Amino acid sequence: MAKTGNKGFKRLTNATVYSYKGIKSAYLHEEAFRQEILLLCILTPIALYFTETLSQAIILICSLLFVLIVELLNSAIEAVVDRISDEQHELSGRAKDMGSAAVSLSLLICVGVWIAVLID
């Protein structure tokens, strides 16, 4: 948990540590996140090889990173919902479904960006 009152370099150091812990936790506990990391590792060299400009490659790689960001947020929502209660509740299900929908939309955006850049 972040401490209030940390400023400057100490706050930046703490934020970096917390971010690392979040990525590590997602990698260890979320199969979808591991699959999307694998996708990033496979598609990044392809983006660098098949694009004509650095800007195009960066756009493709950022679309992959966008999927990871949305997956992290979805996983955070799921963790909070599960932490609150493990009983079935309509609002809990709705929150998880919406998080899943966000991931699906981010994947559609990613595919669209790749198609647009590679066809252009």
PDB file of N, CA and C in Angstrom:
ATOM      1  N   MET A   1       0.839  -1.175   0.000  1.00  0.00           N
ATOM      2  CA  MET A   1       0.000   0.000   0.000  1.00  0.00           C
ATOM      3  C   MET A   1       0.881   1.235   0.000  1.00  0.00           C
ATOM      4  N   ALA A   2       0.572   2.180  -0.856  1.00  0.00           N
ATOM      5  CA  ALA A   2       1.366   3.397  -0.970  1.00  0.00           C
ATOM      6  C   ALA A   2       1.217   4.239   0.289  1.00  0.00           C
ATOM      7  N   LYS A   3       2.331   4.826   0.703  1.00  0.00           N
ATOM      8  CA  LYS A   3       2.314   5.709   1.860  1.00  0.00           C
ATOM      9  C   LYS A   3       2.133   7.136   1.372  1.00  0.00           C
ATOM     10  N   THR A   4       1.271   7.870   2.037  1.00  0.00           N
ATOM     11  CA  THR A   4       1.129   9.278   1.693  1.00  0.00           C
ATOM     12  C   THR A   4       2.291  10.019   2.319  1.00  0.00           C
ATOM     13  N   GLY A   5       2.724  11.066   1.684  1.00  0.00           N
ATOM     14  CA  GLY A   5       3.823  11.842   2.224  1.00  0.00           C
ATOM     15  C   GLY A   5       5.132  11.601   1.504  1.00  0.00           C
ATOM     16  N   ASN A   6       5.264  10.467   0.798  1.00  0.00           N
ATOM     17  CA  ASN A   6       6.466  10.257   0.005  1.00  0.00           C
ATOM     18  C   ASN A   6       6.419  11.173  -1.204  1.00  0.00           C
ATOM     19  N   LYS A   7       7.522  11.867  -1.441  1.00  0.00           N
ATOM     20  CA  LYS A   7       7.576  12.795  -2.561  1.00  0.00           C
ATOM     21  C   LYS A   7       8.857  12.577  -3.337  1.00  0.00           C
ATOM     22  N   GLY A   8       8.859  13.092  -4.544  1.00  0.00           N
ATOM     23  CA  GLY A   8      10.068  13.081  -5.355  1.00  0.00           C
ATOM     24  C   GLY A   8      10.520  11.680  -5.730  1.00  0.00           C
ATOM     25  N   PHE A   9      11.824  11.465  -5.573  1.00  0.00           N
ATOM     26  CA  PHE A   9      12.426  10.208  -6.012  1.00  0.00           C
ATOM     27  C   PHE A   9      11.899   9.008  -5.223  1.00  0.00           C
ATOM     28  N   LYS A  10      11.646   9.172  -3.945  1.00  0.00           N
ATOM     29  CA  LYS A  10      11.115   8.071  -3.123  1.00  0.00           C
ATOM     30  C   LYS A  10       9.739   7.631  -3.625  1.00  0.00           C
ATOM     31  N   ARG A  11       8.874   8.584  -3.959  1.00  0.00           N
ATOM     32  CA  ARG A  11       7.564   8.251  -4.498  1.00  0.00           C
ATOM     33  C   ARG A  11       7.702   7.523  -5.824  1.00  0.00           C
ATOM     34  N   LEU A  12       8.615   7.986  -6.674  1.00  0.00           N
ATOM     35  CA  LEU A  12       8.846   7.344  -7.967  1.00  0.00           C
ATOM     36  C   LEU A  12       9.381   5.926  -7.778  1.00  0.00           C
ATOM     37  N   THR A  13      10.282   5.746  -6.835  1.00  0.00           N
ATOM     38  CA  THR A  13      10.819   4.427  -6.541  1.00  0.00           C
ATOM     39  C   THR A  13       9.722   3.484  -6.048  1.00  0.00           C
ATOM     40  N   ASN A  14       8.900   3.964  -5.128  1.00  0.00           N
ATOM     41  CA  ASN A  14       7.789   3.148  -4.613  1.00  0.00           C
ATOM     42  C   ASN A  14       6.815   2.782  -5.728  1.00  0.00           C
ATOM     43  N   ALA A  15       6.474   3.759  -6.576  1.00  0.00           N
ATOM     44  CA  ALA A  15       5.537   3.497  -7.677  1.00  0.00           C
ATOM     45  C   ALA A  15       6.097   2.442  -8.625  1.00  0.00           C
ATOM     46  N   THR A  16       7.396   2.483  -8.876  1.00  0.00           N
ATOM     47  CA  THR A  16       8.038   1.496  -9.749  1.00  0.00           C
ATOM     48  C   THR A  16       7.968   0.105  -9.135  1.00  0.00           C
ATOM     49  N   VAL A  17       8.223   0.015  -7.850  1.00  0.00           N
ATOM     50  CA  VAL A  17       8.164  -1.280  -7.155  1.00  0.00           C
ATOM     51  C   VAL A  17       6.735  -1.832  -7.188  1.00  0.00           C
ATOM     52  N   TYR A  18       5.747  -0.980  -6.911  1.00  0.00           N
ATOM     53  CA  TYR A  18       4.360  -1.434  -6.925  1.00  0.00           C
ATOM     54  C   TYR A  18       3.940  -1.877  -8.329  1.00  0.00           C
ATOM     55  N   SER A  19       4.396  -1.157  -9.342  1.00  0.00           N
ATOM     56  CA  SER A  19       4.073  -1.532 -10.723  1.00  0.00           C
ATOM     57  C   SER A  19       4.680  -2.886 -11.064  1.00  0.00           C
ATOM     58  N   TYR A  20       5.929  -3.094 -10.678  1.00  0.00           N
ATOM     59  CA  TYR A  20       6.589  -4.382 -10.917  1.00  0.00           C
ATOM     60  C   TYR A  20       5.821  -5.515 -10.228  1.00  0.00           C
ATOM     61  N   LYS A  21       5.429  -5.268  -8.981  1.00  0.00           N
ATOM     62  CA  LYS A  21       4.671  -6.288  -8.245  1.00  0.00           C
ATOM     63  C   LYS A  21       3.344  -6.598  -8.920  1.00  0.00           C
ATOM     64  N   GLY A  22       2.687  -5.576  -9.471  1.00  0.00           N
ATOM     65  CA  GLY A  22       1.420  -5.777 -10.163  1.00  0.00           C
ATOM     66  C   GLY A  22       1.588  -6.607 -11.428  1.00  0.00           C
ATOM     67  N   ILE A  23       2.618  -6.301 -12.208  1.00  0.00           N
ATOM     68  CA  ILE A  23       2.876  -7.063 -13.432  1.00  0.00           C
ATOM     69  C   ILE A  23       3.262  -8.492 -13.085  1.00  0.00           C
ATOM     70  N   LYS A  24       4.100  -8.659 -12.075  1.00  0.00           N
ATOM     71  CA  LYS A  24       4.509  -9.999 -11.656  1.00  0.00           C
ATOM     72  C   LYS A  24       3.307 -10.810 -11.182  1.00  0.00           C
ATOM     73  N   SER A  25       2.448 -10.189 -10.395  1.00  0.00           N
ATOM     74  CA  SER A  25       1.253 -10.871  -9.901  1.00  0.00           C
ATOM     75  C   SER A  25       0.333 -11.281 -11.044  1.00  0.00           C
ATOM     76  N   ALA A  26       0.141 -10.385 -11.998  1.00  0.00           N
ATOM     77  CA  ALA A  26      -0.704 -10.711 -13.150  1.00  0.00           C
ATOM     78  C   ALA A  26      -0.096 -11.861 -13.939  1.00  0.00           C
ATOM     79  N   TYR A  27       1.216 -11.845 -14.110  1.00  0.00           N
ATOM     80  CA  TYR A  27       1.878 -12.914 -14.867  1.00  0.00           C
ATOM     81  C   TYR A  27       1.736 -14.259 -14.140  1.00  0.00           C
ATOM     82  N   LEU A  28       1.890 -14.249 -12.832  1.00  0.00           N
ATOM     83  CA  LEU A  28       1.826 -15.492 -12.056  1.00  0.00           C
ATOM     84  C   LEU A  28       0.410 -16.051 -11.936  1.00  0.00           C
ATOM     85  N   HIS A  29      -0.601 -15.170 -11.889  1.00  0.00           N
ATOM     86  CA  HIS A  29      -1.956 -15.611 -11.553  1.00  0.00           C
ATOM     87  C   HIS A  29      -2.983 -15.507 -12.681  1.00  0.00           C
ATOM     88  N   GLU A  30      -2.641 -14.892 -13.799  1.00  0.00           N
ATOM     89  CA  GLU A  30      -3.619 -14.663 -14.865  1.00  0.00           C
ATOM     90  C   GLU A  30      -3.144 -15.291 -16.173  1.00  0.00           C
ATOM     91  N   GLU A  31      -3.797 -16.370 -16.570  1.00  0.00           N
ATOM     92  CA  GLU A  31      -3.448 -17.072 -17.814  1.00  0.00           C
ATOM     93  C   GLU A  31      -3.587 -16.156 -19.019  1.00  0.00           C
ATOM     94  N   ALA A  32      -4.650 -15.364 -19.077  1.00  0.00           N
ATOM     95  CA  ALA A  32      -4.858 -14.466 -20.220  1.00  0.00           C
ATOM     96  C   ALA A  32      -3.710 -13.473 -20.348  1.00  0.00           C
ATOM     97  N   PHE A  33      -3.209 -12.966 -19.229  1.00  0.00           N
ATOM     98  CA  PHE A  33      -2.092 -12.020 -19.253  1.00  0.00           C
ATOM     99  C   PHE A  33      -0.848 -12.698 -19.813  1.00  0.00           C
ATOM    100  N   ARG A  34      -0.584 -13.936 -19.412  1.00  0.00           N
ATOM    101  CA  ARG A  34       0.569 -14.676 -19.949  1.00  0.00           C
ATOM    102  C   ARG A  34       0.428 -14.886 -21.450  1.00  0.00           C
ATOM    103  N   GLN A  35      -0.767 -15.195 -21.902  1.00  0.00           N
ATOM    104  CA  GLN A  35      -0.999 -15.381 -23.337  1.00  0.00           C
ATOM    105  C   GLN A  35      -0.769 -14.075 -24.100  1.00  0.00           C
ATOM    106  N   GLU A  36      -1.203 -12.976 -23.530  1.00  0.00           N
ATOM    107  CA  GLU A  36      -1.024 -11.687 -24.192  1.00  0.00           C
ATOM    108  C   GLU A  36       0.431 -11.240 -24.167  1.00  0.00           C
ATOM    109  N   ILE A  37       1.173 -11.602 -23.138  1.00  0.00           N
ATOM    110  CA  ILE A  37       2.620 -11.341 -23.114  1.00  0.00           C
ATOM    111  C   ILE A  37       3.298 -12.140 -24.227  1.00  0.00           C
ATOM    112  N   LEU A  38       2.904 -13.407 -24.387  1.00  0.00           N
ATOM    113  CA  LEU A  38       3.452 -14.239 -25.458  1.00  0.00           C
ATOM    114  C   LEU A  38       3.147 -13.611 -26.820  1.00  0.00           C
ATOM    115  N   LEU A  39       1.928 -13.143 -26.995  1.00  0.00           N
ATOM    116  CA  LEU A  39       1.541 -12.469 -28.229  1.00  0.00           C
ATOM    117  C   LEU A  39       2.425 -11.244 -28.479  1.00  0.00           C
ATOM    118  N   LEU A  40       2.677 -10.466 -27.437  1.00  0.00           N
ATOM    119  CA  LEU A  40       3.553  -9.299 -27.540  1.00  0.00           C
ATOM    120  C   LEU A  40       4.956  -9.714 -27.973  1.00  0.00           C
ATOM    121  N   CYS A  41       5.479 -10.777 -27.378  1.00  0.00           N
ATOM    122  CA  CYS A  41       6.833 -11.251 -27.698  1.00  0.00           C
ATOM    123  C   CYS A  41       6.930 -11.755 -29.137  1.00  0.00           C
ATOM    124  N   ILE A  42       5.891 -12.375 -29.628  1.00  0.00           N
ATOM    125  CA  ILE A  42       5.892 -12.892 -31.004  1.00  0.00           C
ATOM    126  C   ILE A  42       5.680 -11.764 -32.012  1.00  0.00           C
ATOM    127  N   LEU A  43       4.737 -10.873 -31.729  1.00  0.00           N
ATOM    128  CA  LEU A  43       4.353  -9.859 -32.707  1.00  0.00           C
ATOM    129  C   LEU A  43       5.267  -8.633 -32.734  1.00  0.00           C
ATOM    130  N   THR A  44       6.010  -8.364 -31.675  1.00  0.00           N
ATOM    131  CA  THR A  44       6.905  -7.200 -31.690  1.00  0.00           C
ATOM    132  C   THR A  44       7.975  -7.307 -32.778  1.00  0.00           C
ATOM    133  N   PRO A  45       8.688  -8.433 -32.896  1.00  0.00           N
ATOM    134  CA  PRO A  45       9.654  -8.518 -34.005  1.00  0.00           C
ATOM    135  C   PRO A  45       8.975  -8.449 -35.381  1.00  0.00           C
ATOM    136  N   ILE A  46       7.778  -8.999 -35.491  1.00  0.00           N
ATOM    137  CA  ILE A  46       7.037  -8.930 -36.749  1.00  0.00           C
ATOM    138  C   ILE A  46       6.702  -7.475 -37.075  1.00  0.00           C
ATOM    139  N   ALA A  47       6.293  -6.721 -36.062  1.00  0.00           N
ATOM    140  CA  ALA A  47       5.987  -5.297 -36.261  1.00  0.00           C
ATOM    141  C   ALA A  47       7.228  -4.543 -36.728  1.00  0.00           C
ATOM    142  N   LEU A  48       8.362  -4.850 -36.148  1.00  0.00           N
ATOM    143  CA  LEU A  48       9.599  -4.161 -36.526  1.00  0.00           C
ATOM    144  C   LEU A  48      10.056  -4.547 -37.927  1.00  0.00           C
ATOM    145  N   TYR A  49       9.813  -5.774 -38.326  1.00  0.00           N
ATOM    146  CA  TYR A  49      10.267  -6.265 -39.627  1.00  0.00           C
ATOM    147  C   TYR A  49       9.360  -5.817 -40.777  1.00  0.00           C
ATOM    148  N   PHE A  50       8.061  -5.877 -40.582  1.00  0.00           N
ATOM    149  CA  PHE A  50       7.130  -5.663 -41.689  1.00  0.00           C
ATOM    150  C   PHE A  50       6.660  -4.217 -41.868  1.00  0.00           C
ATOM    151  N   THR A  51       7.061  -3.322 -41.013  1.00  0.00           N
ATOM    152  CA  THR A  51       6.636  -1.930 -41.182  1.00  0.00           C
ATOM    153  C   THR A  51       7.730  -1.141 -41.893  1.00  0.00           C
ATOM    154  N   GLU A  52       7.288  -0.073 -42.547  1.00  0.00           N
ATOM    155  CA  GLU A  52       8.224   0.754 -43.305  1.00  0.00           C
ATOM    156  C   GLU A  52       8.835   1.870 -42.463  1.00  0.00           C
ATOM    157  N   THR A  53       8.119   2.286 -41.429  1.00  0.00           N
ATOM    158  CA  THR A  53       8.621   3.374 -40.597  1.00  0.00           C
ATOM    159  C   THR A  53       8.590   2.967 -39.124  1.00  0.00           C
ATOM    160  N   LEU A  54       9.405   3.648 -38.352  1.00  0.00           N
ATOM    161  CA  LEU A  54       9.417   3.415 -36.909  1.00  0.00           C
ATOM    162  C   LEU A  54       8.061   3.770 -36.300  1.00  0.00           C
ATOM    163  N   SER A  55       7.416   4.804 -36.816  1.00  0.00           N
ATOM    164  CA  SER A  55       6.101   5.206 -36.306  1.00  0.00           C
ATOM    165  C   SER A  55       5.076   4.090 -36.468  1.00  0.00           C
ATOM    166  N   GLN A  56       5.082   3.419 -37.600  1.00  0.00           N
ATOM    167  CA  GLN A  56       4.154   2.313 -37.813  1.00  0.00           C
ATOM    168  C   GLN A  56       4.422   1.189 -36.822  1.00  0.00           C
ATOM    169  N   ALA A  57       5.685   0.858 -36.613  1.00  0.00           N
ATOM    170  CA  ALA A  57       6.041  -0.207 -35.669  1.00  0.00           C
ATOM    171  C   ALA A  57       5.586   0.159 -34.257  1.00  0.00           C
ATOM    172  N   ILE A  58       5.799   1.411 -33.883  1.00  0.00           N
ATOM    173  CA  ILE A  58       5.401   1.853 -32.538  1.00  0.00           C
ATOM    174  C   ILE A  58       3.888   1.779 -32.375  1.00  0.00           C
ATOM    175  N   ILE A  59       3.146   2.150 -33.415  1.00  0.00           N
ATOM    176  CA  ILE A  59       1.683   2.066 -33.352  1.00  0.00           C
ATOM    177  C   ILE A  59       1.246   0.618 -33.127  1.00  0.00           C
ATOM    178  N   LEU A  60       1.857  -0.313 -33.858  1.00  0.00           N
ATOM    179  CA  LEU A  60       1.502  -1.725 -33.694  1.00  0.00           C
ATOM    180  C   LEU A  60       1.838  -2.230 -32.293  1.00  0.00           C
ATOM    181  N   ILE A  61       3.020  -1.887 -31.808  1.00  0.00           N
ATOM    182  CA  ILE A  61       3.436  -2.342 -30.480  1.00  0.00           C
ATOM    183  C   ILE A  61       2.575  -1.704 -29.392  1.00  0.00           C
ATOM    184  N   CYS A  62       2.231  -0.428 -29.560  1.00  0.00           N
ATOM    185  CA  CYS A  62       1.360   0.235 -28.573  1.00  0.00           C
ATOM    186  C   CYS A  62      -0.027  -0.393 -28.537  1.00  0.00           C
ATOM    187  N   SER A  63      -0.519  -0.854 -29.678  1.00  0.00           N
ATOM    188  CA  SER A  63      -1.830  -1.515 -29.671  1.00  0.00           C
ATOM    189  C   SER A  63      -1.764  -2.811 -28.861  1.00  0.00           C
ATOM    190  N   LEU A  64      -0.628  -3.497 -28.898  1.00  0.00           N
ATOM    191  CA  LEU A  64      -0.449  -4.705 -28.076  1.00  0.00           C
ATOM    192  C   LEU A  64      -0.349  -4.345 -26.596  1.00  0.00           C
ATOM    193  N   LEU A  65       0.370  -3.284 -26.299  1.00  0.00           N
ATOM    194  CA  LEU A  65       0.491  -2.839 -24.907  1.00  0.00           C
ATOM    195  C   LEU A  65      -0.862  -2.378 -24.356  1.00  0.00           C
ATOM    196  N   PHE A  66      -1.678  -1.790 -25.219  1.00  0.00           N
ATOM    197  CA  PHE A  66      -3.028  -1.375 -24.821  1.00  0.00           C
ATOM    198  C   PHE A  66      -3.836  -2.576 -24.332  1.00  0.00           C
ATOM    199  N   VAL A  67      -3.721  -3.701 -25.038  1.00  0.00           N
ATOM    200  CA  VAL A  67      -4.420  -4.921 -24.611  1.00  0.00           C
ATOM    201  C   VAL A  67      -3.932  -5.340 -23.226  1.00  0.00           C
ATOM    202  N   LEU A  68      -2.630  -5.274 -22.990  1.00  0.00           N
ATOM    203  CA  LEU A  68      -2.090  -5.639 -21.666  1.00  0.00           C
ATOM    204  C   LEU A  68      -2.616  -4.715 -20.575  1.00  0.00           C
ATOM    205  N   ILE A  69      -2.688  -3.434 -20.876  1.00  0.00           N
ATOM    206  CA  ILE A  69      -3.197  -2.466 -19.893  1.00  0.00           C
ATOM    207  C   ILE A  69      -4.642  -2.789 -19.523  1.00  0.00           C
ATOM    208  N   VAL A  70      -5.463  -3.044 -20.525  1.00  0.00           N
ATOM    209  CA  VAL A  70      -6.867  -3.357 -20.256  1.00  0.00           C
ATOM    210  C   VAL A  70      -6.979  -4.675 -19.495  1.00  0.00           C
ATOM    211  N   GLU A  71      -6.134  -5.645 -19.827  1.00  0.00           N
ATOM    212  CA  GLU A  71      -6.136  -6.925 -19.105  1.00  0.00           C
ATOM    213  C   GLU A  71      -5.762  -6.723 -17.641  1.00  0.00           C
ATOM    214  N   LEU A  72      -4.785  -5.869 -17.372  1.00  0.00           N
ATOM    215  CA  LEU A  72      -4.411  -5.572 -15.984  1.00  0.00           C
ATOM    216  C   LEU A  72      -5.581  -4.948 -15.224  1.00  0.00           C
ATOM    217  N   LEU A  73      -6.269  -4.008 -15.862  1.00  0.00           N
ATOM    218  CA  LEU A  73      -7.430  -3.385 -15.207  1.00  0.00           C
ATOM    219  C   LEU A  73      -8.542  -4.398 -14.970  1.00  0.00           C
ATOM    220  N   ASN A  74      -8.775  -5.268 -15.947  1.00  0.00           N
ATOM    221  CA  ASN A  74      -9.787  -6.319 -15.784  1.00  0.00           C
ATOM    222  C   ASN A  74      -9.415  -7.250 -14.623  1.00  0.00           C
ATOM    223  N   SER A  75      -8.153  -7.633 -14.562  1.00  0.00           N
ATOM    224  CA  SER A  75      -7.707  -8.516 -13.483  1.00  0.00           C
ATOM    225  C   SER A  75      -7.847  -7.833 -12.125  1.00  0.00           C
ATOM    226  N   ALA A  76      -7.580  -6.531 -12.079  1.00  0.00           N
ATOM    227  CA  ALA A  76      -7.732  -5.784 -10.824  1.00  0.00           C
ATOM    228  C   ALA A  76      -9.194  -5.751 -10.393  1.00  0.00           C
ATOM    229  N   ILE A  77     -10.094  -5.526 -11.346  1.00  0.00           N
ATOM    230  CA  ILE A  77     -11.528  -5.532 -11.033  1.00  0.00           C
ATOM    231  C   ILE A  77     -11.943  -6.893 -10.486  1.00  0.00           C
ATOM    232  N   GLU A  78     -11.510  -7.950 -11.162  1.00  0.00           N
ATOM    233  CA  GLU A  78     -11.861  -9.304 -10.720  1.00  0.00           C
ATOM    234  C   GLU A  78     -11.318  -9.587  -9.322  1.00  0.00           C
ATOM    235  N   ALA A  79     -10.087  -9.152  -9.046  1.00  0.00           N
ATOM    236  CA  ALA A  79      -9.497  -9.390  -7.727  1.00  0.00           C
ATOM    237  C   ALA A  79     -10.279  -8.667  -6.634  1.00  0.00           C
ATOM    238  N   VAL A  80     -10.667  -7.434  -6.898  1.00  0.00           N
ATOM    239  CA  VAL A  80     -11.430  -6.670  -5.904  1.00  0.00           C
ATOM    240  C   VAL A  80     -12.797  -7.305  -5.668  1.00  0.00           C
ATOM    241  N   VAL A  81     -13.464  -7.705  -6.752  1.00  0.00           N
ATOM    242  CA  VAL A  81     -14.780  -8.336  -6.614  1.00  0.00           C
ATOM    243  C   VAL A  81     -14.650  -9.633  -5.812  1.00  0.00           C
ATOM    244  N   ASP A  82     -13.636 -10.433  -6.127  1.00  0.00           N
ATOM    245  CA  ASP A  82     -13.438 -11.689  -5.405  1.00  0.00           C
ATOM    246  C   ASP A  82     -13.054 -11.447  -3.946  1.00  0.00           C
ATOM    247  N   ARG A  83     -12.336 -10.371  -3.676  1.00  0.00           N
ATOM    248  CA  ARG A  83     -11.925 -10.037  -2.311  1.00  0.00           C
ATOM    249  C   ARG A  83     -13.130  -9.651  -1.454  1.00  0.00           C
ATOM    250  N   ILE A  84     -14.063  -8.951  -2.066  1.00  0.00           N
ATOM    251  CA  ILE A  84     -15.242  -8.479  -1.323  1.00  0.00           C
ATOM    252  C   ILE A  84     -16.111  -9.653  -0.896  1.00  0.00           C
ATOM    253  N   SER A  85     -16.371 -10.576  -1.839  1.00  0.00           N
ATOM    254  CA  SER A  85     -17.223 -11.708  -1.510  1.00  0.00           C
ATOM    255  C   SER A  85     -17.099 -12.768  -2.591  1.00  0.00           C
ATOM    256  N   ASP A  86     -17.212 -14.021  -2.175  1.00  0.00           N
ATOM    257  CA  ASP A  86     -17.194 -15.093  -3.168  1.00  0.00           C
ATOM    258  C   ASP A  86     -18.608 -15.618  -3.448  1.00  0.00           C
ATOM    259  N   GLU A  87     -19.618 -14.966  -2.892  1.00  0.00           N
ATOM    260  CA  GLU A  87     -20.987 -15.371  -3.206  1.00  0.00           C
ATOM    261  C   GLU A  87     -21.416 -14.747  -4.532  1.00  0.00           C
ATOM    262  N   GLN A  88     -22.322 -15.410  -5.216  1.00  0.00           N
ATOM    263  CA  GLN A  88     -22.845 -14.920  -6.487  1.00  0.00           C
ATOM    264  C   GLN A  88     -23.686 -13.667  -6.250  1.00  0.00           C
ATOM    265  N   HIS A  89     -23.413 -12.628  -7.040  1.00  0.00           N
ATOM    266  CA  HIS A  89     -24.205 -11.411  -6.957  1.00  0.00           C
ATOM    267  C   HIS A  89     -24.272 -10.802  -8.347  1.00  0.00           C
ATOM    268  N   GLU A  90     -25.434 -10.294  -8.684  1.00  0.00           N
ATOM    269  CA  GLU A  90     -25.641  -9.728 -10.027  1.00  0.00           C
ATOM    270  C   GLU A  90     -24.625  -8.629 -10.344  1.00  0.00           C
ATOM    271  N   LEU A  91     -24.370  -7.721  -9.396  1.00  0.00           N
ATOM    272  CA  LEU A  91     -23.438  -6.624  -9.650  1.00  0.00           C
ATOM    273  C   LEU A  91     -21.999  -7.122  -9.795  1.00  0.00           C
ATOM    274  N   SER A  92     -21.637  -8.142  -9.038  1.00  0.00           N
ATOM    275  CA  SER A  92     -20.301  -8.724  -9.174  1.00  0.00           C
ATOM    276  C   SER A  92     -20.130  -9.333 -10.558  1.00  0.00           C
ATOM    277  N   GLY A  93     -21.130 -10.075 -10.990  1.00  0.00           N
ATOM    278  CA  GLY A  93     -21.090 -10.669 -12.321  1.00  0.00           C
ATOM    279  C   GLY A  93     -21.043  -9.612 -13.407  1.00  0.00           C
ATOM    280  N   ARG A  94     -21.817  -8.555 -13.213  1.00  0.00           N
ATOM    281  CA  ARG A  94     -21.836  -7.475 -14.195  1.00  0.00           C
ATOM    282  C   ARG A  94     -20.460  -6.806 -14.295  1.00  0.00           C
ATOM    283  N   ALA A  95     -19.836  -6.554 -13.153  1.00  0.00           N
ATOM    284  CA  ALA A  95     -18.512  -5.919 -13.154  1.00  0.00           C
ATOM    285  C   ALA A  95     -17.490  -6.793 -13.882  1.00  0.00           C
ATOM    286  N   LYS A  96     -17.523  -8.088 -13.595  1.00  0.00           N
ATOM    287  CA  LYS A  96     -16.583  -9.007 -14.259  1.00  0.00           C
ATOM    288  C   LYS A  96     -16.873  -9.098 -15.753  1.00  0.00           C
ATOM    289  N   ASP A  97     -18.129  -9.139 -16.122  1.00  0.00           N
ATOM    290  CA  ASP A  97     -18.493  -9.208 -17.542  1.00  0.00           C
ATOM    291  C   ASP A  97     -18.057  -7.939 -18.283  1.00  0.00           C
ATOM    292  N   MET A  98     -18.222  -6.800 -17.637  1.00  0.00           N
ATOM    293  CA  MET A  98     -17.815  -5.544 -18.279  1.00  0.00           C
ATOM    294  C   MET A  98     -16.296  -5.479 -18.449  1.00  0.00           C
ATOM    295  N   GLY A  99     -15.570  -5.960 -17.464  1.00  0.00           N
ATOM    296  CA  GLY A  99     -14.117  -6.020 -17.594  1.00  0.00           C
ATOM    297  C   GLY A  99     -13.702  -6.923 -18.739  1.00  0.00           C
ATOM    298  N   SER A 100     -14.365  -8.066 -18.849  1.00  0.00           N
ATOM    299  CA  SER A 100     -14.091  -8.986 -19.942  1.00  0.00           C
ATOM    300  C   SER A 100     -14.431  -8.356 -21.288  1.00  0.00           C
ATOM    301  N   ALA A 101     -15.533  -7.626 -21.348  1.00  0.00           N
ATOM    302  CA  ALA A 101     -15.917  -6.941 -22.581  1.00  0.00           C
ATOM    303  C   ALA A 101     -14.867  -5.897 -22.970  1.00  0.00           C
ATOM    304  N   ALA A 102     -14.315  -5.211 -21.996  1.00  0.00           N
ATOM    305  CA  ALA A 102     -13.273  -4.219 -22.271  1.00  0.00           C
ATOM    306  C   ALA A 102     -12.050  -4.883 -22.897  1.00  0.00           C
ATOM    307  N   VAL A 103     -11.672  -6.053 -22.383  1.00  0.00           N
ATOM    308  CA  VAL A 103     -10.550  -6.786 -22.962  1.00  0.00           C
ATOM    309  C   VAL A 103     -10.868  -7.177 -24.402  1.00  0.00           C
ATOM    310  N   SER A 104     -12.075  -7.671 -24.632  1.00  0.00           N
ATOM    311  CA  SER A 104     -12.469  -8.056 -25.990  1.00  0.00           C
ATOM    312  C   SER A 104     -12.416  -6.867 -26.950  1.00  0.00           C
ATOM    313  N   LEU A 105     -12.901  -5.725 -26.506  1.00  0.00           N
ATOM    314  CA  LEU A 105     -12.854  -4.529 -27.352  1.00  0.00           C
ATOM    315  C   LEU A 105     -11.419  -4.086 -27.616  1.00  0.00           C
ATOM    316  N   SER A 106     -10.561  -4.202 -26.609  1.00  0.00           N
ATOM    317  CA  SER A 106      -9.159  -3.821 -26.820  1.00  0.00           C
ATOM    318  C   SER A 106      -8.499  -4.753 -27.839  1.00  0.00           C
ATOM    319  N   LEU A 107      -8.866  -6.023 -27.808  1.00  0.00           N
ATOM    320  CA  LEU A 107      -8.337  -6.960 -28.802  1.00  0.00           C
ATOM    321  C   LEU A 107      -8.845  -6.619 -30.206  1.00  0.00           C
ATOM    322  N   LEU A 108     -10.110  -6.236 -30.320  1.00  0.00           N
ATOM    323  CA  LEU A 108     -10.647  -5.824 -31.620  1.00  0.00           C
ATOM    324  C   LEU A 108      -9.924  -4.583 -32.139  1.00  0.00           C
ATOM    325  N   ILE A 109      -9.680  -3.633 -31.264  1.00  0.00           N
ATOM    326  CA  ILE A 109      -8.928  -2.436 -31.651  1.00  0.00           C
ATOM    327  C   ILE A 109      -7.538  -2.827 -32.135  1.00  0.00           C
ATOM    328  N   CYS A 110      -6.889  -3.711 -31.400  1.00  0.00           N
ATOM    329  CA  CYS A 110      -5.548  -4.158 -31.755  1.00  0.00           C
ATOM    330  C   CYS A 110      -5.536  -4.803 -33.147  1.00  0.00           C
ATOM    331  N   VAL A 111      -6.467  -5.699 -33.383  1.00  0.00           N
ATOM    332  CA  VAL A 111      -6.563  -6.358 -34.697  1.00  0.00           C
ATOM    333  C   VAL A 111      -6.816  -5.319 -35.788  1.00  0.00           C
ATOM    334  N   GLY A 112      -7.719  -4.381 -35.540  1.00  0.00           N
ATOM    335  CA  GLY A 112      -8.006  -3.342 -36.515  1.00  0.00           C
ATOM    336  C   GLY A 112      -6.790  -2.490 -36.838  1.00  0.00           C
ATOM    337  N   VAL A 113      -6.038  -2.131 -35.821  1.00  0.00           N
ATOM    338  CA  VAL A 113      -4.827  -1.334 -36.022  1.00  0.00           C
ATOM    339  C   VAL A 113      -3.810  -2.117 -36.849  1.00  0.00           C
ATOM    340  N   TRP A 114      -3.623  -3.391 -36.513  1.00  0.00           N
ATOM    341  CA  TRP A 114      -2.668  -4.203 -37.270  1.00  0.00           C
ATOM    342  C   TRP A 114      -3.085  -4.333 -38.722  1.00  0.00           C
ATOM    343  N   ILE A 115      -4.349  -4.576 -38.956  1.00  0.00           N
ATOM    344  CA  ILE A 115      -4.840  -4.695 -40.342  1.00  0.00           C
ATOM    345  C   ILE A 115      -4.625  -3.387 -41.082  1.00  0.00           C
ATOM    346  N   ALA A 116      -4.998  -2.275 -40.473  1.00  0.00           N
ATOM    347  CA  ALA A 116      -4.883  -0.979 -41.128  1.00  0.00           C
ATOM    348  C   ALA A 116      -3.428  -0.633 -41.456  1.00  0.00           C
ATOM    349  N   VAL A 117      -2.532  -0.877 -40.516  1.00  0.00           N
ATOM    350  CA  VAL A 117      -1.126  -0.520 -40.732  1.00  0.00           C
ATOM    351  C   VAL A 117      -0.478  -1.445 -41.759  1.00  0.00           C
ATOM    352  N   LEU A 118      -0.747  -2.729 -41.662  1.00  0.00           N
ATOM    353  CA  LEU A 118      -0.081  -3.667 -42.562  1.00  0.00           C
ATOM    354  C   LEU A 118      -0.649  -3.638 -43.981  1.00  0.00           C
ATOM    355  N   ILE A 119      -1.913  -3.275 -44.143  1.00  0.00           N
ATOM    356  CA  ILE A 119      -2.490  -3.182 -45.483  1.00  0.00           C
ATOM    357  C   ILE A 119      -2.078  -1.876 -46.156  1.00  0.00           C
ATOM    358  N   ASP A 120      -1.910  -0.835 -45.361  1.00  0.00           N
ATOM    359  CA  ASP A 120      -1.594   0.504 -45.896  1.00  0.00           C
ATOM    360  C   ASP A 120      -0.290   0.513 -46.667  1.00  0.00           C
TER     361      ASP A 120
END
